[in-house]
Amino acid sequence: MRLRYFFIGLTAAFMSTAAQAGPQCTQEPRSAWMPADKVLAKATQEVPKLKLFKVTDGNCFEIYGWGQAGEKLEIYYHPVTGEVVKRGSW
């Protein structure tokens, strides 16, 4: 019985950690953010084939897509400055 509760707790801890894997970008109000189309214009230079564009729980613009050489890219942009916060692959 104890082992079952241990695994339930372990699963809950893992899920909460995985949900917060992305960076925290800003606490600024959305009125201070760059327009999304400007970030998309910048992103398409690096990621010409977009799969997904969204706002994360950490208040970042997140883009999934494929780069110039066909590599899978995941890039987080700061919504106020437009700078890349984190870059990786998916």
PDB file of N, CA and C in Angstrom:
ATOM      1  N   MET A   1       0.831  -1.186   0.000  1.00  0.00           N
ATOM      2  CA  MET A   1       0.000   0.000   0.000  1.00  0.00           C
ATOM      3  C   MET A   1       0.881   1.258   0.000  1.00  0.00           C
ATOM      4  N   ARG A   2       1.906   1.280   0.847  1.00  0.00           N
ATOM      5  CA  ARG A   2       2.795   2.444   0.910  1.00  0.00           C
ATOM      6  C   ARG A   2       3.515   2.669  -0.411  1.00  0.00           C
ATOM      7  N   LEU A   3       3.891   1.555  -1.041  1.00  0.00           N
ATOM      8  CA  LEU A   3       4.582   1.650  -2.311  1.00  0.00           C
ATOM      9  C   LEU A   3       3.702   2.315  -3.367  1.00  0.00           C
ATOM     10  N   ARG A   4       2.431   2.019  -3.354  1.00  0.00           N
ATOM     11  CA  ARG A   4       1.505   2.623  -4.308  1.00  0.00           C
ATOM     12  C   ARG A   4       1.431   4.134  -4.106  1.00  0.00           C
ATOM     13  N   TYR A   5       1.357   4.584  -2.864  1.00  0.00           N
ATOM     14  CA  TYR A   5       1.328   6.031  -2.593  1.00  0.00           C
ATOM     15  C   TYR A   5       2.646   6.698  -2.982  1.00  0.00           C
ATOM     16  N   PHE A   6       3.729   5.968  -2.806  1.00  0.00           N
ATOM     17  CA  PHE A   6       5.030   6.500  -3.211  1.00  0.00           C
ATOM     18  C   PHE A   6       5.045   6.768  -4.710  1.00  0.00           C
ATOM     19  N   PHE A   7       4.573   5.811  -5.507  1.00  0.00           N
ATOM     20  CA  PHE A   7       4.563   5.988  -6.953  1.00  0.00           C
ATOM     21  C   PHE A   7       3.581   7.071  -7.391  1.00  0.00           C
ATOM     22  N   ILE A   8       2.466   7.191  -6.724  1.00  0.00           N
ATOM     23  CA  ILE A   8       1.516   8.264  -7.031  1.00  0.00           C
ATOM     24  C   ILE A   8       2.164   9.615  -6.761  1.00  0.00           C
ATOM     25  N   GLY A   9       2.848   9.750  -5.627  1.00  0.00           N
ATOM     26  CA  GLY A   9       3.540  10.998  -5.304  1.00  0.00           C
ATOM     27  C   GLY A   9       4.667  11.287  -6.262  1.00  0.00           C
ATOM     28  N   LEU A  10       5.418  10.263  -6.624  1.00  0.00           N
ATOM     29  CA  LEU A  10       6.523  10.424  -7.560  1.00  0.00           C
ATOM     30  C   LEU A  10       6.008  10.867  -8.928  1.00  0.00           C
ATOM     31  N   THR A  11       4.923  10.279  -9.378  1.00  0.00           N
ATOM     32  CA  THR A  11       4.323  10.651 -10.660  1.00  0.00           C
ATOM     33  C   THR A  11       3.841  12.096 -10.625  1.00  0.00           C
ATOM     34  N   ALA A  12       3.192  12.505  -9.563  1.00  0.00           N
ATOM     35  CA  ALA A  12       2.710  13.883  -9.446  1.00  0.00           C
ATOM     36  C   ALA A  12       3.877  14.864  -9.438  1.00  0.00           C
ATOM     37  N   ALA A  13       4.950  14.536  -8.746  1.00  0.00           N
ATOM     38  CA  ALA A  13       6.123  15.412  -8.713  1.00  0.00           C
ATOM     39  C   ALA A  13       6.749  15.527 -10.091  1.00  0.00           C
ATOM     40  N   PHE A  14       6.857  14.419 -10.807  1.00  0.00           N
ATOM     41  CA  PHE A  14       7.428  14.432 -12.143  1.00  0.00           C
ATOM     42  C   PHE A  14       6.584  15.260 -13.094  1.00  0.00           C
ATOM     43  N   MET A  15       5.275  15.114 -13.028  1.00  0.00           N
ATOM     44  CA  MET A  15       4.384  15.845 -13.928  1.00  0.00           C
ATOM     45  C   MET A  15       4.451  17.342 -13.656  1.00  0.00           C
ATOM     46  N   SER A  16       4.537  17.764 -12.419  1.00  0.00           N
ATOM     47  CA  SER A  16       4.604  19.188 -12.122  1.00  0.00           C
ATOM     48  C   SER A  16       5.935  19.765 -12.560  1.00  0.00           C
ATOM     49  N   THR A  17       7.017  18.992 -12.491  1.00  0.00           N
ATOM     50  CA  THR A  17       8.329  19.455 -12.949  1.00  0.00           C
ATOM     51  C   THR A  17       8.340  19.553 -14.466  1.00  0.00           C
ATOM     52  N   ALA A  18       7.782  18.572 -15.140  1.00  0.00           N
ATOM     53  CA  ALA A  18       7.768  18.581 -16.593  1.00  0.00           C
ATOM     54  C   ALA A  18       6.931  19.726 -17.131  1.00  0.00           C
ATOM     55  N   ALA A  19       5.879  20.091 -16.455  1.00  0.00           N
ATOM     56  CA  ALA A  19       5.018  21.170 -16.922  1.00  0.00           C
ATOM     57  C   ALA A  19       5.710  22.526 -16.831  1.00  0.00           C
ATOM     58  N   GLN A  20       6.719  22.645 -15.988  1.00  0.00           N
ATOM     59  CA  GLN A  20       7.410  23.908 -15.820  1.00  0.00           C
ATOM     60  C   GLN A  20       8.802  23.884 -16.434  1.00  0.00           C
ATOM     61  N   ALA A  21       9.005  23.067 -17.457  1.00  0.00           N
ATOM     62  CA  ALA A  21      10.324  22.902 -18.048  1.00  0.00           C
ATOM     63  C   ALA A  21      10.786  24.132 -18.822  1.00  0.00           C
ATOM     64  N   GLY A  22       9.857  24.930 -19.337  1.00  0.00           N
ATOM     65  CA  GLY A  22      10.222  26.110 -20.111  1.00  0.00           C
ATOM     66  C   GLY A  22      10.662  27.256 -19.214  1.00  0.00           C
ATOM     67  N   PRO A  23      11.334  28.240 -19.806  1.00  0.00           N
ATOM     68  CA  PRO A  23      11.813  29.372 -19.022  1.00  0.00           C
ATOM     69  C   PRO A  23      10.695  30.321 -18.591  1.00  0.00           C
ATOM     70  N   GLN A  24      10.979  31.104 -17.584  1.00  0.00           N
ATOM     71  CA  GLN A  24      10.093  32.190 -17.147  1.00  0.00           C
ATOM     72  C   GLN A  24      10.652  33.453 -17.805  1.00  0.00           C
ATOM     73  N   CYS A  25       9.885  34.092 -18.663  1.00  0.00           N
ATOM     74  CA  CYS A  25      10.403  35.229 -19.418  1.00  0.00           C
ATOM     75  C   CYS A  25      10.128  36.579 -18.762  1.00  0.00           C
ATOM     76  N   THR A  26       8.881  36.827 -18.376  1.00  0.00           N
ATOM     77  CA  THR A  26       8.559  38.166 -17.882  1.00  0.00           C
ATOM     78  C   THR A  26       7.309  38.163 -17.023  1.00  0.00           C
ATOM     79  N   GLN A  27       7.202  39.198 -16.212  1.00  0.00           N
ATOM     80  CA  GLN A  27       5.982  39.467 -15.456  1.00  0.00           C
ATOM     81  C   GLN A  27       5.326  40.752 -15.974  1.00  0.00           C
ATOM     82  N   GLU A  28       5.901  41.331 -17.023  1.00  0.00           N
ATOM     83  CA  GLU A  28       5.356  42.559 -17.608  1.00  0.00           C
ATOM     84  C   GLU A  28       3.938  42.305 -18.125  1.00  0.00           C
ATOM     85  N   PRO A  29       3.075  43.320 -18.056  1.00  0.00           N
ATOM     86  CA  PRO A  29       1.723  43.152 -18.608  1.00  0.00           C
ATOM     87  C   PRO A  29       1.788  42.999 -20.126  1.00  0.00           C
ATOM     88  N   ARG A  30       0.806  42.351 -20.666  1.00  0.00           N
ATOM     89  CA  ARG A  30       0.801  42.109 -22.120  1.00  0.00           C
ATOM     90  C   ARG A  30       0.790  43.392 -22.933  1.00  0.00           C
ATOM     91  N   SER A  31       0.356  44.476 -22.350  1.00  0.00           N
ATOM     92  CA  SER A  31       0.375  45.753 -23.069  1.00  0.00           C
ATOM     93  C   SER A  31       1.810  46.207 -23.356  1.00  0.00           C
ATOM     94  N   ALA A  32       2.797  45.682 -22.625  1.00  0.00           N
ATOM     95  CA  ALA A  32       4.203  46.027 -22.840  1.00  0.00           C
ATOM     96  C   ALA A  32       4.887  45.078 -23.823  1.00  0.00           C
ATOM     97  N   TRP A  33       4.227  44.026 -24.237  1.00  0.00           N
ATOM     98  CA  TRP A  33       4.813  43.026 -25.120  1.00  0.00           C
ATOM     99  C   TRP A  33       4.878  43.519 -26.554  1.00  0.00           C
ATOM    100  N   MET A  34       5.825  42.982 -27.304  1.00  0.00           N
ATOM    101  CA  MET A  34       5.898  43.233 -28.747  1.00  0.00           C
ATOM    102  C   MET A  34       4.693  42.572 -29.412  1.00  0.00           C
ATOM    103  N   PRO A  35       4.244  43.111 -30.523  1.00  0.00           N
ATOM    104  CA  PRO A  35       3.188  42.412 -31.263  1.00  0.00           C
ATOM    105  C   PRO A  35       3.698  41.046 -31.733  1.00  0.00           C
ATOM    106  N   ALA A  36       2.849  40.057 -31.669  1.00  0.00           N
ATOM    107  CA  ALA A  36       3.232  38.697 -32.043  1.00  0.00           C
ATOM    108  C   ALA A  36       3.713  38.610 -33.486  1.00  0.00           C
ATOM    109  N   ASP A  37       3.147  39.411 -34.381  1.00  0.00           N
ATOM    110  CA  ASP A  37       3.569  39.335 -35.787  1.00  0.00           C
ATOM    111  C   ASP A  37       5.019  39.785 -35.977  1.00  0.00           C
ATOM    112  N   LYS A  38       5.515  40.689 -35.135  1.00  0.00           N
ATOM    113  CA  LYS A  38       6.922  41.093 -35.226  1.00  0.00           C
ATOM    114  C   LYS A  38       7.841  39.965 -34.779  1.00  0.00           C
ATOM    115  N   VAL A  39       7.446  39.245 -33.753  1.00  0.00           N
ATOM    116  CA  VAL A  39       8.247  38.101 -33.298  1.00  0.00           C
ATOM    117  C   VAL A  39       8.197  36.995 -34.352  1.00  0.00           C
ATOM    118  N   LEU A  40       7.038  36.784 -34.936  1.00  0.00           N
ATOM    119  CA  LEU A  40       6.925  35.776 -35.992  1.00  0.00           C
ATOM    120  C   LEU A  40       7.788  36.126 -37.196  1.00  0.00           C
ATOM    121  N   ALA A  41       7.837  37.399 -37.561  1.00  0.00           N
ATOM    122  CA  ALA A  41       8.672  37.823 -38.689  1.00  0.00           C
ATOM    123  C   ALA A  41      10.146  37.534 -38.393  1.00  0.00           C
ATOM    124  N   LYS A  42      10.572  37.792 -37.179  1.00  0.00           N
ATOM    125  CA  LYS A  42      11.951  37.505 -36.776  1.00  0.00           C
ATOM    126  C   LYS A  42      12.191  35.998 -36.751  1.00  0.00           C
ATOM    127  N   ALA A  43      11.227  35.251 -36.241  1.00  0.00           N
ATOM    128  CA  ALA A  43      11.378  33.803 -36.099  1.00  0.00           C
ATOM    129  C   ALA A  43      11.465  33.099 -37.441  1.00  0.00           C
ATOM    130  N   THR A  44      10.730  33.553 -38.426  1.00  0.00           N
ATOM    131  CA  THR A  44      10.730  32.862 -39.716  1.00  0.00           C
ATOM    132  C   THR A  44      12.074  32.992 -40.428  1.00  0.00           C
ATOM    133  N   GLN A  45      12.925  33.904 -39.995  1.00  0.00           N
ATOM    134  CA  GLN A  45      14.286  33.953 -40.545  1.00  0.00           C
ATOM    135  C   GLN A  45      15.090  32.739 -40.077  1.00  0.00           C
ATOM    136  N   GLU A  46      14.846  32.293 -38.853  1.00  0.00           N
ATOM    137  CA  GLU A  46      15.540  31.128 -38.302  1.00  0.00           C
ATOM    138  C   GLU A  46      14.772  29.830 -38.517  1.00  0.00           C
ATOM    139  N   VAL A  47      13.458  29.942 -38.508  1.00  0.00           N
ATOM    140  CA  VAL A  47      12.577  28.779 -38.603  1.00  0.00           C
ATOM    141  C   VAL A  47      11.611  29.012 -39.767  1.00  0.00           C
ATOM    142  N   PRO A  48      12.070  28.736 -41.006  1.00  0.00           N
ATOM    143  CA  PRO A  48      11.221  29.052 -42.151  1.00  0.00           C
ATOM    144  C   PRO A  48       9.951  28.214 -42.258  1.00  0.00           C
ATOM    145  N   LYS A  49       9.948  27.038 -41.645  1.00  0.00           N
ATOM    146  CA  LYS A  49       8.751  26.193 -41.684  1.00  0.00           C
ATOM    147  C   LYS A  49       8.226  26.045 -40.263  1.00  0.00           C
ATOM    148  N   LEU A  50       7.207  26.827 -39.918  1.00  0.00           N
ATOM    149  CA  LEU A  50       6.647  26.822 -38.572  1.00  0.00           C
ATOM    150  C   LEU A  50       5.654  25.687 -38.383  1.00  0.00           C
ATOM    151  N   LYS A  51       5.699  25.107 -37.189  1.00  0.00           N
ATOM    152  CA  LYS A  51       4.711  24.097 -36.802  1.00  0.00           C
ATOM    153  C   LYS A  51       3.742  24.680 -35.786  1.00  0.00           C
ATOM    154  N   LEU A  52       4.278  25.438 -34.801  1.00  0.00           N
ATOM    155  CA  LEU A  52       3.458  25.939 -33.706  1.00  0.00           C
ATOM    156  C   LEU A  52       4.028  27.245 -33.179  1.00  0.00           C
ATOM    157  N   PHE A  53       3.161  28.164 -32.860  1.00  0.00           N
ATOM    158  CA  PHE A  53       3.524  29.415 -32.206  1.00  0.00           C
ATOM    159  C   PHE A  53       2.555  29.598 -31.055  1.00  0.00           C
ATOM    160  N   LYS A  54       3.094  29.781 -29.829  1.00  0.00           N
ATOM    161  CA  LYS A  54       2.203  29.923 -28.682  1.00  0.00           C
ATOM    162  C   LYS A  54       2.856  30.766 -27.600  1.00  0.00           C
ATOM    163  N   VAL A  55       2.042  31.157 -26.626  1.00  0.00           N
ATOM    164  CA  VAL A  55       2.524  31.831 -25.423  1.00  0.00           C
ATOM    165  C   VAL A  55       2.566  30.779 -24.330  1.00  0.00           C
ATOM    166  N   THR A  56       3.704  30.652 -23.667  1.00  0.00           N
ATOM    167  CA  THR A  56       3.878  29.627 -22.632  1.00  0.00           C
ATOM    168  C   THR A  56       3.349  30.093 -21.288  1.00  0.00           C
ATOM    169  N   ASP A  57       3.302  29.171 -20.345  1.00  0.00           N
ATOM    170  CA  ASP A  57       2.922  29.515 -18.976  1.00  0.00           C
ATOM    171  C   ASP A  57       3.934  30.460 -18.335  1.00  0.00           C
ATOM    172  N   GLY A  58       5.167  30.447 -18.832  1.00  0.00           N
ATOM    173  CA  GLY A  58       6.214  31.334 -18.331  1.00  0.00           C
ATOM    174  C   GLY A  58       6.248  32.674 -19.041  1.00  0.00           C
ATOM    175  N   ASN A  59       5.199  32.977 -19.795  1.00  0.00           N
ATOM    176  CA  ASN A  59       5.082  34.242 -20.528  1.00  0.00           C
ATOM    177  C   ASN A  59       6.200  34.447 -21.541  1.00  0.00           C
ATOM    178  N   CYS A  60       6.452  33.432 -22.339  1.00  0.00           N
ATOM    179  CA  CYS A  60       7.394  33.506 -23.456  1.00  0.00           C
ATOM    180  C   CYS A  60       6.618  33.233 -24.744  1.00  0.00           C
ATOM    181  N   PHE A  61       7.124  33.723 -25.857  1.00  0.00           N
ATOM    182  CA  PHE A  61       6.651  33.268 -27.157  1.00  0.00           C
ATOM    183  C   PHE A  61       7.465  32.019 -27.474  1.00  0.00           C
ATOM    184  N   GLU A  62       6.795  30.922 -27.773  1.00  0.00           N
ATOM    185  CA  GLU A  62       7.483  29.667 -28.074  1.00  0.00           C
ATOM    186  C   GLU A  62       7.149  29.253 -29.492  1.00  0.00           C
ATOM    187  N   ILE A  63       8.186  28.864 -30.231  1.00  0.00           N
ATOM    188  CA  ILE A  63       8.017  28.475 -31.628  1.00  0.00           C
ATOM    189  C   ILE A  63       8.611  27.096 -31.841  1.00  0.00           C
ATOM    190  N   TYR A  64       7.865  26.242 -32.509  1.00  0.00           N
ATOM    191  CA  TYR A  64       8.337  24.936 -32.953  1.00  0.00           C
ATOM    192  C   TYR A  64       8.334  24.964 -34.474  1.00  0.00           C
ATOM    193  N   GLY A  65       9.345  24.355 -35.068  1.00  0.00           N
ATOM    194  CA  GLY A  65       9.382  24.267 -36.517  1.00  0.00           C
ATOM    195  C   GLY A  65      10.663  23.626 -36.990  1.00  0.00           C
ATOM    196  N   TRP A  66      10.950  23.826 -38.274  1.00  0.00           N
ATOM    197  CA  TRP A  66      12.127  23.256 -38.903  1.00  0.00           C
ATOM    198  C   TRP A  66      13.012  24.377 -39.429  1.00  0.00           C
ATOM    199  N   GLY A  67      14.314  24.231 -39.205  1.00  0.00           N
ATOM    200  CA  GLY A  67      15.293  25.223 -39.639  1.00  0.00           C
ATOM    201  C   GLY A  67      15.650  25.081 -41.108  1.00  0.00           C
ATOM    202  N   GLN A  68      16.634  25.864 -41.541  1.00  0.00           N
ATOM    203  CA  GLN A  68      17.072  25.890 -42.938  1.00  0.00           C
ATOM    204  C   GLN A  68      17.510  24.512 -43.431  1.00  0.00           C
ATOM    205  N   ALA A  69      18.175  23.746 -42.567  1.00  0.00           N
ATOM    206  CA  ALA A  69      18.694  22.430 -42.952  1.00  0.00           C
ATOM    207  C   ALA A  69      17.716  21.303 -42.622  1.00  0.00           C
ATOM    208  N   GLY A  70      16.505  21.636 -42.223  1.00  0.00           N
ATOM    209  CA  GLY A  70      15.496  20.636 -41.907  1.00  0.00           C
ATOM    210  C   GLY A  70      15.533  20.137 -40.473  1.00  0.00           C
ATOM    211  N   GLU A  71      16.382  20.739 -39.637  1.00  0.00           N
ATOM    212  CA  GLU A  71      16.458  20.324 -38.233  1.00  0.00           C
ATOM    213  C   GLU A  71      15.245  20.839 -37.469  1.00  0.00           C
ATOM    214  N   LYS A  72      14.834  20.073 -36.466  1.00  0.00           N
ATOM    215  CA  LYS A  72      13.698  20.469 -35.633  1.00  0.00           C
ATOM    216  C   LYS A  72      14.181  21.492 -34.608  1.00  0.00           C
ATOM    217  N   LEU A  73      13.479  22.610 -34.501  1.00  0.00           N
ATOM    218  CA  LEU A  73      13.869  23.669 -33.579  1.00  0.00           C
ATOM    219  C   LEU A  73      12.720  24.040 -32.648  1.00  0.00           C
ATOM    220  N   GLU A  74      13.094  24.371 -31.425  1.00  0.00           N
ATOM    221  CA  GLU A  74      12.181  24.916 -30.424  1.00  0.00           C
ATOM    222  C   GLU A  74      12.885  26.154 -29.875  1.00  0.00           C
ATOM    223  N   ILE A  75      12.273  27.318 -30.052  1.00  0.00           N
ATOM    224  CA  ILE A  75      12.900  28.566 -29.629  1.00  0.00           C
ATOM    225  C   ILE A  75      11.918  29.362 -28.789  1.00  0.00           C
ATOM    226  N   TYR A  76      12.417  29.859 -27.647  1.00  0.00           N
ATOM    227  CA  TYR A  76      11.636  30.722 -26.768  1.00  0.00           C
ATOM    228  C   TYR A  76      12.126  32.154 -26.949  1.00  0.00           C
ATOM    229  N   TYR A  77      11.201  33.074 -27.181  1.00  0.00           N
ATOM    230  CA  TYR A  77      11.526  34.488 -27.337  1.00  0.00           C
ATOM    231  C   TYR A  77      10.946  35.286 -26.174  1.00  0.00           C
ATOM    232  N   HIS A  78      11.712  36.266 -25.710  1.00  0.00           N
ATOM    233  CA  HIS A  78      11.226  37.179 -24.676  1.00  0.00           C
ATOM    234  C   HIS A  78      10.188  38.082 -25.329  1.00  0.00           C
ATOM    235  N   PRO A  79       8.995  38.194 -24.777  1.00  0.00           N
ATOM    236  CA  PRO A  79       7.928  38.937 -25.438  1.00  0.00           C
ATOM    237  C   PRO A  79       8.091  40.454 -25.408  1.00  0.00           C
ATOM    238  N   VAL A  80       8.939  40.970 -24.542  1.00  0.00           N
ATOM    239  CA  VAL A  80       9.141  42.421 -24.483  1.00  0.00           C
ATOM    240  C   VAL A  80      10.301  42.844 -25.378  1.00  0.00           C
ATOM    241  N   THR A  81      11.400  42.088 -25.329  1.00  0.00           N
ATOM    242  CA  THR A  81      12.603  42.462 -26.083  1.00  0.00           C
ATOM    243  C   THR A  81      12.713  41.756 -27.427  1.00  0.00           C
ATOM    244  N   GLY A  82      12.069  40.611 -27.565  1.00  0.00           N
ATOM    245  CA  GLY A  82      12.175  39.831 -28.791  1.00  0.00           C
ATOM    246  C   GLY A  82      13.446  38.998 -28.869  1.00  0.00           C
ATOM    247  N   GLU A  83      14.241  38.999 -27.818  1.00  0.00           N
ATOM    248  CA  GLU A  83      15.490  38.232 -27.789  1.00  0.00           C
ATOM    249  C   GLU A  83      15.216  36.754 -27.533  1.00  0.00           C
ATOM    250  N   VAL A  84      16.109  35.893 -28.061  1.00  0.00           N
ATOM    251  CA  VAL A  84      16.018  34.465 -27.805  1.00  0.00           C
ATOM    252  C   VAL A  84      16.399  34.188 -26.366  1.00  0.00           C
ATOM    253  N   VAL A  85      15.532  33.473 -25.646  1.00  0.00           N
ATOM    254  CA  VAL A  85      15.767  33.133 -24.241  1.00  0.00           C
ATOM    255  C   VAL A  85      16.335  31.717 -24.147  1.00  0.00           C
ATOM    256  N   LYS A  86      15.817  30.818 -24.976  1.00  0.00           N
ATOM    257  CA  LYS A  86      16.244  29.416 -24.939  1.00  0.00           C
ATOM    258  C   LYS A  86      16.060  28.835 -26.329  1.00  0.00           C
ATOM    259  N   ARG A  87      16.997  27.991 -26.704  1.00  0.00           N
ATOM    260  CA  ARG A  87      16.942  27.356 -28.018  1.00  0.00           C
ATOM    261  C   ARG A  87      17.248  25.872 -27.846  1.00  0.00           C
ATOM    262  N   GLY A  88      16.538  25.040 -28.564  1.00  0.00           N
ATOM    263  CA  GLY A  88      16.768  23.604 -28.490  1.00  0.00           C
ATOM    264  C   GLY A  88      16.063  22.908 -29.641  1.00  0.00           C
ATOM    265  N   SER A  89      15.907  21.615 -29.504  1.00  0.00           N
ATOM    266  CA  SER A  89      15.172  20.847 -30.494  1.00  0.00           C
ATOM    267  C   SER A  89      14.070  20.060 -29.805  1.00  0.00           C
ATOM    268  N   TRP A  90      13.117  19.610 -30.556  1.00  0.00           N
ATOM    269  CA  TRP A  90      12.002  18.871 -29.988  1.00  0.00           C
ATOM    270  C   TRP A  90      11.985  17.468 -30.548  1.00  0.00           C
TER     271      TRP A  90
END
